Amino acid sequence: MHLRLITYLLLLTLSAVSSCALRDEADLMMPSSPDKLFVEGYLSPGVPIQLSLIRSSSLRESLSVQLVWNAKAELVLADTAVVLQNILYRGKESIRLINYVNTYRLPTELSGDSLRLRIVTEGGGDTLYAATPLVEQVRIDGWELKEKMISVSCPNSAKEDGRYYGVYLEYELEGEVKRKSEYYDYSSVQDKQLTFQLDVPSGKRAYRLILYRITAANYSFQRTLQQASRASVDPFEPPVALPTNVQGGQGIFTYITADTLYIK
């Protein structure tokens, strides 16, 4: 079973469970292998720790999706460990299902250069490991709304692995909330200043724009999700395998920083 069919089945089974990965907009895609654990966690400074843990099993042309309960989930920082608790809720702005949380908020300045995740399912049946590098805080330092385009600028990172970005845009059009996202690999771009441009409809309206600095693994994950989304509706689009940085399972565990711009 490939992602095109899995996406369709998930829409029926979970009413379009999504991954905000950028935590507001990306669809949650399940792995094609049978009986796999799928982890999705996006960590950001100043935001409570939260992640999704799901088990999928496929048999012929059917898919079973189950939330995984009572696992021991632990986030390991350089100087402490944070244990996550089972609490089920749906994301406030997205429709992502969250089932492991801790109200601890990561500080802006963290010791070390990475965060690690360890999950052991009830009874010790499965063990998952994941690690993510830290990325520096992103900062919007200029913007312009002109005709049918929004431009936003920020200082580029001096580090090659800090030059992956995402832009999320939200606005209302004819009574409907519209959302779009784009992802950028500027790892080879050494310009000190970057500008991102997104097309918008004509007319005056309010916009919410979030600029993210993301990891290389997250960039690859989100771009593949976009391709998988196209494959779910276009029979000529080739199916894709979802990348993962989770050992023992599938999914994404990653650190992001964000800056939000409101235009009224």
C-alpha atoms as a PDB file:
ATOM      1  CA  MET A   1       0.000   0.000   0.000  1.00  0.00           C
ATOM      2  CA  HIS A   2       1.432   3.384  -0.919  1.00  0.00           C
ATOM      3  CA  LEU A   3       0.829   6.851   0.467  1.00  0.00           C
ATOM      4  CA  ARG A   4      -1.924   7.720  -1.981  1.00  0.00           C
ATOM      5  CA  LEU A   5      -4.260   5.059  -0.590  1.00  0.00           C
ATOM      6  CA  ILE A   6      -3.105   5.594   2.976  1.00  0.00           C
ATOM      7  CA  THR A   7      -3.902   9.289   2.765  1.00  0.00           C
ATOM      8  CA  TYR A   8      -7.403   8.521   1.539  1.00  0.00           C
ATOM      9  CA  LEU A   9      -8.011   5.970   4.296  1.00  0.00           C
ATOM     10  CA  LEU A  10      -6.758   8.339   6.954  1.00  0.00           C
ATOM     11  CA  LEU A  11      -9.153  11.012   5.819  1.00  0.00           C
ATOM     12  CA  LEU A  12     -11.988   8.538   6.304  1.00  0.00           C
ATOM     13  CA  THR A  13     -10.664   7.072   9.546  1.00  0.00           C
ATOM     14  CA  LEU A  14      -9.390  10.128  11.399  1.00  0.00           C
ATOM     15  CA  SER A  15     -11.343  12.963   9.780  1.00  0.00           C
ATOM     16  CA  ALA A  16      -8.193  14.431   8.288  1.00  0.00           C
ATOM     17  CA  VAL A  17      -5.842  14.102  11.235  1.00  0.00           C
ATOM     18  CA  SER A  18      -3.060  16.584  10.527  1.00  0.00           C
ATOM     19  CA  SER A  19       0.451  17.409  11.528  1.00  0.00           C
ATOM     20  CA  CYS A  20       1.280  20.954  12.142  1.00  0.00           C
ATOM     21  CA  ALA A  21       4.663  20.963  11.164  1.00  0.00           C
ATOM     22  CA  LEU A  22       4.907  23.416  10.820  1.00  0.00           C
ATOM     23  CA  ARG A  23       2.323  22.691  13.313  1.00  0.00           C
ATOM     24  CA  ASP A  24      -0.593  24.441  11.562  1.00  0.00           C
ATOM     25  CA  GLU A  25      -1.024  22.937   8.170  1.00  0.00           C
ATOM     26  CA  ALA A  26       0.587  19.688   7.016  1.00  0.00           C
ATOM     27  CA  ASP A  27      -1.440  16.487   6.683  1.00  0.00           C
ATOM     28  CA  LEU A  28      -0.405  13.531   8.831  1.00  0.00           C
ATOM     29  CA  MET A  29       0.747  10.724   6.577  1.00  0.00           C
ATOM     30  CA  MET A  30       1.125   7.173   7.848  1.00  0.00           C
ATOM     31  CA  PRO A  31       3.909   4.774   6.847  1.00  0.00           C
ATOM     32  CA  SER A  32       3.146   2.080   4.312  1.00  0.00           C
ATOM     33  CA  SER A  33       4.728  -0.769   6.276  1.00  0.00           C
ATOM     34  CA  PRO A  34       2.348  -2.857   8.413  1.00  0.00           C
ATOM     35  CA  ASP A  35       2.281  -2.542  12.190  1.00  0.00           C
ATOM     36  CA  LYS A  36       4.457   0.548  12.510  1.00  0.00           C
ATOM     37  CA  LEU A  37       4.655   3.200  15.198  1.00  0.00           C
ATOM     38  CA  PHE A  38       4.390   6.739  13.905  1.00  0.00           C
ATOM     39  CA  VAL A  39       5.769   9.633  15.962  1.00  0.00           C
ATOM     40  CA  GLU A  40       5.248  13.301  15.256  1.00  0.00           C
ATOM     41  CA  GLY A  41       6.749  15.956  17.489  1.00  0.00           C
ATOM     42  CA  TYR A  42       7.646  19.587  16.848  1.00  0.00           C
ATOM     43  CA  LEU A  43       9.491  21.301  19.693  1.00  0.00           C
ATOM     44  CA  SER A  44       9.712  25.061  19.927  1.00  0.00           C
ATOM     45  CA  PRO A  45      10.905  27.440  22.671  1.00  0.00           C
ATOM     46  CA  GLY A  46       8.146  28.827  24.864  1.00  0.00           C
ATOM     47  CA  VAL A  47       5.623  26.187  23.773  1.00  0.00           C
ATOM     48  CA  PRO A  48       4.464  23.163  25.863  1.00  0.00           C
ATOM     49  CA  ILE A  49       5.964  19.870  24.745  1.00  0.00           C
ATOM     50  CA  GLN A  50       3.527  17.758  22.748  1.00  0.00           C
ATOM     51  CA  LEU A  51       3.645  14.849  20.351  1.00  0.00           C
ATOM     52  CA  SER A  52       1.488  12.272  18.617  1.00  0.00           C
ATOM     53  CA  LEU A  53       2.106   8.525  18.899  1.00  0.00           C
ATOM     54  CA  ILE A  54       0.061   6.258  16.631  1.00  0.00           C
ATOM     55  CA  ARG A  55       0.284   2.646  15.522  1.00  0.00           C
ATOM     56  CA  SER A  56      -0.822   1.669  12.038  1.00  0.00           C
ATOM     57  CA  SER A  57      -1.462  -1.830  10.744  1.00  0.00           C
ATOM     58  CA  SER A  58      -2.271  -2.626   7.127  1.00  0.00           C
ATOM     59  CA  LEU A  59      -3.803  -5.815   5.738  1.00  0.00           C
ATOM     60  CA  ARG A  60      -4.503  -6.067   2.028  1.00  0.00           C
ATOM     61  CA  GLU A  61      -6.397  -2.869   1.207  1.00  0.00           C
ATOM     62  CA  SER A  62      -7.464  -1.851   4.709  1.00  0.00           C
ATOM     63  CA  LEU A  63      -5.750   0.291   7.311  1.00  0.00           C
ATOM     64  CA  SER A  64      -6.131   0.239  11.074  1.00  0.00           C
ATOM     65  CA  VAL A  65      -4.979   3.306  13.001  1.00  0.00           C
ATOM     66  CA  GLN A  66      -4.724   3.318  16.786  1.00  0.00           C
ATOM     67  CA  LEU A  67      -3.552   5.888  19.285  1.00  0.00           C
ATOM     68  CA  VAL A  68      -0.857   4.364  21.485  1.00  0.00           C
ATOM     69  CA  TRP A  69      -1.466   4.750  25.216  1.00  0.00           C
ATOM     70  CA  ASN A  70       0.573   4.221  28.393  1.00  0.00           C
ATOM     71  CA  ALA A  71       3.960   4.404  26.727  1.00  0.00           C
ATOM     72  CA  LYS A  72       6.872   5.907  28.616  1.00  0.00           C
ATOM     73  CA  ALA A  73       7.846   8.978  26.614  1.00  0.00           C
ATOM     74  CA  GLU A  74      10.837  10.980  27.785  1.00  0.00           C
ATOM     75  CA  LEU A  75      12.470  14.070  26.340  1.00  0.00           C
ATOM     76  CA  VAL A  76      16.150  14.240  27.252  1.00  0.00           C
ATOM     77  CA  LEU A  77      17.811  17.650  27.475  1.00  0.00           C
ATOM     78  CA  ALA A  78      21.457  18.314  28.268  1.00  0.00           C
ATOM     79  CA  ASP A  79      20.735  18.950  31.946  1.00  0.00           C
ATOM     80  CA  THR A  80      17.378  17.283  32.645  1.00  0.00           C
ATOM     81  CA  ALA A  81      14.766  14.816  31.435  1.00  0.00           C
ATOM     82  CA  VAL A  82      11.081  15.614  30.929  1.00  0.00           C
ATOM     83  CA  VAL A  83       8.485  12.834  31.161  1.00  0.00           C
ATOM     84  CA  LEU A  84       5.398  13.249  28.972  1.00  0.00           C
ATOM     85  CA  GLN A  85       1.914  12.314  30.158  1.00  0.00           C
ATOM     86  CA  ASN A  86      -1.061  10.790  28.319  1.00  0.00           C
ATOM     87  CA  ILE A  87      -3.574  13.534  27.506  1.00  0.00           C
ATOM     88  CA  LEU A  88      -5.688  13.432  24.362  1.00  0.00           C
ATOM     89  CA  TYR A  89      -6.721  16.656  22.684  1.00  0.00           C
ATOM     90  CA  ARG A  90      -7.000  18.190  19.273  1.00  0.00           C
ATOM     91  CA  GLY A  91      -4.700  21.084  18.387  1.00  0.00           C
ATOM     92  CA  LYS A  92      -6.340  24.478  18.841  1.00  0.00           C
ATOM     93  CA  GLU A  93      -5.521  25.864  15.418  1.00  0.00           C
ATOM     94  CA  SER A  94      -4.794  22.670  13.534  1.00  0.00           C
ATOM     95  CA  ILE A  95      -6.718  19.410  13.697  1.00  0.00           C
ATOM     96  CA  ARG A  96      -3.740  17.362  14.790  1.00  0.00           C
ATOM     97  CA  LEU A  97      -4.439  14.831  17.518  1.00  0.00           C
ATOM     98  CA  ILE A  98      -2.003  15.089  20.442  1.00  0.00           C
ATOM     99  CA  ASN A  99      -1.730  12.283  22.975  1.00  0.00           C
ATOM    100  CA  TYR A 100       1.535  12.936  24.876  1.00  0.00           C
ATOM    101  CA  VAL A 101       2.219  16.289  26.542  1.00  0.00           C
ATOM    102  CA  ASN A 102       4.108  18.115  29.253  1.00  0.00           C
ATOM    103  CA  THR A 103       3.437  21.730  30.209  1.00  0.00           C
ATOM    104  CA  TYR A 104       7.174  22.399  30.506  1.00  0.00           C
ATOM    105  CA  ARG A 105       8.203  25.092  28.060  1.00  0.00           C
ATOM    106  CA  LEU A 106      11.625  24.918  26.487  1.00  0.00           C
ATOM    107  CA  PRO A 107      13.728  28.028  27.173  1.00  0.00           C
ATOM    108  CA  THR A 108      15.023  30.163  24.326  1.00  0.00           C
ATOM    109  CA  GLU A 109      18.602  29.325  25.286  1.00  0.00           C
ATOM    110  CA  LEU A 110      19.266  25.597  25.629  1.00  0.00           C
ATOM    111  CA  SER A 111      22.419  23.822  26.762  1.00  0.00           C
ATOM    112  CA  GLY A 112      24.005  21.370  24.354  1.00  0.00           C
ATOM    113  CA  ASP A 113      23.399  21.055  20.644  1.00  0.00           C
ATOM    114  CA  SER A 114      20.565  18.510  20.453  1.00  0.00           C
ATOM    115  CA  LEU A 115      17.402  17.120  22.036  1.00  0.00           C
ATOM    116  CA  ARG A 116      16.658  13.415  22.317  1.00  0.00           C
ATOM    117  CA  LEU A 117      13.434  11.432  22.580  1.00  0.00           C
ATOM    118  CA  ARG A 118      13.010   7.942  23.990  1.00  0.00           C
ATOM    119  CA  ILE A 119       9.707   6.056  23.903  1.00  0.00           C
ATOM    120  CA  VAL A 120       9.045   2.596  25.332  1.00  0.00           C
ATOM    121  CA  THR A 121       5.570   1.185  24.747  1.00  0.00           C
ATOM    122  CA  GLU A 122       3.587  -0.504  27.491  1.00  0.00           C
ATOM    123  CA  GLY A 123       5.108  -3.835  28.456  1.00  0.00           C
ATOM    124  CA  GLY A 124       8.373  -2.963  26.730  1.00  0.00           C
ATOM    125  CA  GLY A 125       7.112  -4.130  23.360  1.00  0.00           C
ATOM    126  CA  ASP A 126       8.685  -1.372  21.274  1.00  0.00           C
ATOM    127  CA  THR A 127      11.462   1.134  21.833  1.00  0.00           C
ATOM    128  CA  LEU A 128      11.864   4.257  19.726  1.00  0.00           C
ATOM    129  CA  TYR A 129      14.702   6.754  19.666  1.00  0.00           C
ATOM    130  CA  ALA A 130      15.016  10.087  17.927  1.00  0.00           C
ATOM    131  CA  ALA A 131      17.278  13.110  18.102  1.00  0.00           C
ATOM    132  CA  THR A 132      17.117  16.583  16.638  1.00  0.00           C
ATOM    133  CA  PRO A 133      19.726  19.308  16.358  1.00  0.00           C
ATOM    134  CA  LEU A 134      18.900  22.754  17.697  1.00  0.00           C
ATOM    135  CA  VAL A 135      18.445  25.700  15.348  1.00  0.00           C
ATOM    136  CA  GLU A 136      18.899  29.348  16.210  1.00  0.00           C
ATOM    137  CA  GLN A 137      15.989  31.710  16.723  1.00  0.00           C
ATOM    138  CA  VAL A 138      14.565  33.135  13.492  1.00  0.00           C
ATOM    139  CA  ARG A 139      13.605  36.810  13.390  1.00  0.00           C
ATOM    140  CA  ILE A 140      11.457  38.774  10.936  1.00  0.00           C
ATOM    141  CA  ASP A 141      13.070  42.179  10.441  1.00  0.00           C
ATOM    142  CA  GLY A 142      11.055  43.545   7.529  1.00  0.00           C
ATOM    143  CA  TRP A 143       7.917  43.023   5.456  1.00  0.00           C
ATOM    144  CA  GLU A 144       5.940  44.555   2.603  1.00  0.00           C
ATOM    145  CA  LEU A 145       2.424  44.010   1.270  1.00  0.00           C
ATOM    146  CA  LYS A 146       2.197  45.197  -2.318  1.00  0.00           C
ATOM    147  CA  GLU A 147      -0.655  44.447  -4.706  1.00  0.00           C
ATOM    148  CA  LYS A 148      -0.904  40.630  -4.723  1.00  0.00           C
ATOM    149  CA  MET A 149       2.283  39.738  -2.871  1.00  0.00           C
ATOM    150  CA  ILE A 150       3.589  39.639   0.685  1.00  0.00           C
ATOM    151  CA  SER A 151       7.351  39.887   1.141  1.00  0.00           C
ATOM    152  CA  VAL A 152       9.032  39.118   4.458  1.00  0.00           C
ATOM    153  CA  SER A 153      12.739  39.272   5.239  1.00  0.00           C
ATOM    154  CA  CYS A 154      15.060  37.915   7.910  1.00  0.00           C
ATOM    155  CA  PRO A 155      18.783  37.591   8.636  1.00  0.00           C
ATOM    156  CA  ASN A 156      20.254  34.399   7.196  1.00  0.00           C
ATOM    157  CA  SER A 157      22.073  31.941   9.431  1.00  0.00           C
ATOM    158  CA  ALA A 158      25.844  31.830   9.395  1.00  0.00           C
ATOM    159  CA  LYS A 159      25.582  28.051   9.689  1.00  0.00           C
ATOM    160  CA  GLU A 160      24.764  25.952   6.641  1.00  0.00           C
ATOM    161  CA  ASP A 161      22.455  23.632   8.608  1.00  0.00           C
ATOM    162  CA  GLY A 162      20.499  26.645   9.897  1.00  0.00           C
ATOM    163  CA  ARG A 163      19.409  27.757   6.430  1.00  0.00           C
ATOM    164  CA  TYR A 164      16.212  25.736   6.081  1.00  0.00           C
ATOM    165  CA  TYR A 165      13.022  27.754   6.356  1.00  0.00           C
ATOM    166  CA  GLY A 166       9.276  27.460   6.243  1.00  0.00           C
ATOM    167  CA  VAL A 167       6.624  30.144   5.746  1.00  0.00           C
ATOM    168  CA  TYR A 168       3.015  29.637   6.826  1.00  0.00           C
ATOM    169  CA  LEU A 169       0.319  32.099   5.743  1.00  0.00           C
ATOM    170  CA  GLU A 170      -3.283  32.284   6.918  1.00  0.00           C
ATOM    171  CA  TYR A 171      -6.090  34.619   5.871  1.00  0.00           C
ATOM    172  CA  GLU A 172      -9.849  34.702   5.314  1.00  0.00           C
ATOM    173  CA  LEU A 173     -11.390  34.830   1.855  1.00  0.00           C
ATOM    174  CA  GLU A 174     -15.141  34.856   1.231  1.00  0.00           C
ATOM    175  CA  GLY A 175     -15.841  33.543   4.730  1.00  0.00           C
ATOM    176  CA  GLU A 176     -13.334  30.699   4.438  1.00  0.00           C
ATOM    177  CA  VAL A 177      -9.976  30.416   6.203  1.00  0.00           C
ATOM    178  CA  LYS A 178      -7.203  29.853   3.664  1.00  0.00           C
ATOM    179  CA  ARG A 179      -3.848  28.368   4.617  1.00  0.00           C
ATOM    180  CA  LYS A 180      -0.703  27.871   2.598  1.00  0.00           C
ATOM    181  CA  SER A 181       2.872  26.916   3.385  1.00  0.00           C
ATOM    182  CA  GLU A 182       6.174  26.897   1.546  1.00  0.00           C
ATOM    183  CA  TYR A 183       9.553  25.404   2.458  1.00  0.00           C
ATOM    184  CA  TYR A 184      12.985  26.576   1.409  1.00  0.00           C
ATOM    185  CA  ASP A 185      16.439  24.996   1.267  1.00  0.00           C
ATOM    186  CA  TYR A 186      18.934  27.863   1.370  1.00  0.00           C
ATOM    187  CA  SER A 187      21.790  25.752   2.730  1.00  0.00           C
ATOM    188  CA  SER A 188      24.057  26.865  -0.125  1.00  0.00           C
ATOM    189  CA  VAL A 189      22.979  30.526   0.013  1.00  0.00           C
ATOM    190  CA  GLN A 190      25.420  32.714   1.921  1.00  0.00           C
ATOM    191  CA  ASP A 191      23.554  36.020   1.585  1.00  0.00           C
ATOM    192  CA  LYS A 192      23.303  37.807   4.915  1.00  0.00           C
ATOM    193  CA  GLN A 193      19.672  38.761   4.276  1.00  0.00           C
ATOM    194  CA  LEU A 194      16.856  36.637   2.833  1.00  0.00           C
ATOM    195  CA  THR A 195      13.465  37.611   1.409  1.00  0.00           C
ATOM    196  CA  PHE A 196      10.480  35.283   1.030  1.00  0.00           C
ATOM    197  CA  GLN A 197       7.528  36.132  -1.211  1.00  0.00           C
ATOM    198  CA  LEU A 198       4.023  34.663  -1.233  1.00  0.00           C
ATOM    199  CA  ASP A 199       1.148  35.423  -3.587  1.00  0.00           C
ATOM    200  CA  VAL A 200      -2.067  36.697  -1.985  1.00  0.00           C
ATOM    201  CA  PRO A 201      -5.494  37.702  -3.359  1.00  0.00           C
ATOM    202  CA  SER A 202      -6.285  41.313  -4.149  1.00  0.00           C
ATOM    203  CA  GLY A 203      -8.178  43.436  -1.649  1.00  0.00           C
ATOM    204  CA  LYS A 204      -7.610  44.438   1.947  1.00  0.00           C
ATOM    205  CA  ARG A 205      -7.715  41.725   4.624  1.00  0.00           C
ATOM    206  CA  ALA A 206      -5.893  40.528   7.727  1.00  0.00           C
ATOM    207  CA  TYR A 207      -3.005  38.090   7.426  1.00  0.00           C
ATOM    208  CA  ARG A 208      -1.131  35.946   9.897  1.00  0.00           C
ATOM    209  CA  LEU A 209       2.302  34.889   8.709  1.00  0.00           C
ATOM    210  CA  ILE A 210       4.733  32.640  10.566  1.00  0.00           C
ATOM    211  CA  LEU A 211       8.352  32.340   9.531  1.00  0.00           C
ATOM    212  CA  TYR A 212      10.096  29.182  10.730  1.00  0.00           C
ATOM    213  CA  ARG A 213      13.689  28.071  10.886  1.00  0.00           C
ATOM    214  CA  ILE A 214      13.641  24.280  10.598  1.00  0.00           C
ATOM    215  CA  THR A 215      16.055  21.368  10.449  1.00  0.00           C
ATOM    216  CA  ALA A 216      17.170  19.621   7.270  1.00  0.00           C
ATOM    217  CA  ALA A 217      15.228  16.511   8.347  1.00  0.00           C
ATOM    218  CA  ASN A 218      12.044  18.528   8.810  1.00  0.00           C
ATOM    219  CA  TYR A 219      12.507  20.217   5.438  1.00  0.00           C
ATOM    220  CA  SER A 220      12.770  16.816   3.734  1.00  0.00           C
ATOM    221  CA  PHE A 221       9.747  15.532   5.682  1.00  0.00           C
ATOM    222  CA  GLN A 222       7.515  18.481   4.799  1.00  0.00           C
ATOM    223  CA  ARG A 223       8.467  18.538   1.129  1.00  0.00           C
ATOM    224  CA  THR A 224       7.697  14.832   0.890  1.00  0.00           C
ATOM    225  CA  LEU A 225       4.324  15.427   2.573  1.00  0.00           C
ATOM    226  CA  GLN A 226       3.526  17.998  -0.078  1.00  0.00           C
ATOM    227  CA  GLN A 227       4.423  15.533  -2.818  1.00  0.00           C
ATOM    228  CA  ALA A 228       2.354  12.819  -1.119  1.00  0.00           C
ATOM    229  CA  SER A 229      -0.597  15.202  -0.909  1.00  0.00           C
ATOM    230  CA  ARG A 230      -0.394  15.789  -4.655  1.00  0.00           C
ATOM    231  CA  ALA A 231      -0.117  12.037  -5.246  1.00  0.00           C
ATOM    232  CA  SER A 232      -3.335  11.480  -3.295  1.00  0.00           C
ATOM    233  CA  VAL A 233      -5.344  13.411  -5.909  1.00  0.00           C
ATOM    234  CA  ASP A 234      -3.232  13.093  -9.056  1.00  0.00           C
ATOM    235  CA  PRO A 235      -3.009   9.555 -10.502  1.00  0.00           C
ATOM    236  CA  PHE A 236       0.035  10.571 -12.576  1.00  0.00           C
ATOM    237  CA  GLU A 237       2.013  11.726  -9.536  1.00  0.00           C
ATOM    238  CA  PRO A 238       4.354   8.921  -8.383  1.00  0.00           C
ATOM    239  CA  PRO A 239       3.866   7.585  -4.840  1.00  0.00           C
ATOM    240  CA  VAL A 240       6.578   8.533  -2.370  1.00  0.00           C
ATOM    241  CA  ALA A 241       8.193   7.004   0.692  1.00  0.00           C
ATOM    242  CA  LEU A 242       7.996   9.208   3.760  1.00  0.00           C
ATOM    243  CA  PRO A 243      11.434   9.957   5.280  1.00  0.00           C
ATOM    244  CA  THR A 244      11.959   9.511   9.004  1.00  0.00           C
ATOM    245  CA  ASN A 245      14.465  10.372  11.710  1.00  0.00           C
ATOM    246  CA  VAL A 246      12.874   7.996  14.230  1.00  0.00           C
ATOM    247  CA  GLN A 247      14.704   4.749  14.986  1.00  0.00           C
ATOM    248  CA  GLY A 248      12.341   1.834  15.545  1.00  0.00           C
ATOM    249  CA  GLY A 249       9.412   3.589  13.895  1.00  0.00           C
ATOM    250  CA  GLN A 250       8.396   6.282  11.429  1.00  0.00           C
ATOM    251  CA  GLY A 251       7.789   9.998  11.570  1.00  0.00           C
ATOM    252  CA  ILE A 252       9.517  13.200  12.557  1.00  0.00           C
ATOM    253  CA  PHE A 253      10.929  14.541  15.813  1.00  0.00           C
ATOM    254  CA  THR A 254      12.339  18.000  15.336  1.00  0.00           C
ATOM    255  CA  TYR A 255      13.114  21.410  16.804  1.00  0.00           C
ATOM    256  CA  ILE A 256      11.879  24.623  15.198  1.00  0.00           C
ATOM    257  CA  THR A 257      11.939  28.333  15.962  1.00  0.00           C
ATOM    258  CA  ALA A 258       9.312  30.792  14.801  1.00  0.00           C
ATOM    259  CA  ASP A 259       8.460  34.465  14.503  1.00  0.00           C
ATOM    260  CA  THR A 260       4.901  35.625  13.814  1.00  0.00           C
ATOM    261  CA  LEU A 261       3.732  38.641  11.839  1.00  0.00           C
ATOM    262  CA  TYR A 262       0.180  40.022  11.936  1.00  0.00           C
ATOM    263  CA  ILE A 263      -0.906  42.303   9.097  1.00  0.00           C
ATOM    264  CA  LYS A 264      -4.256  44.078   9.444  1.00  0.00           C
END
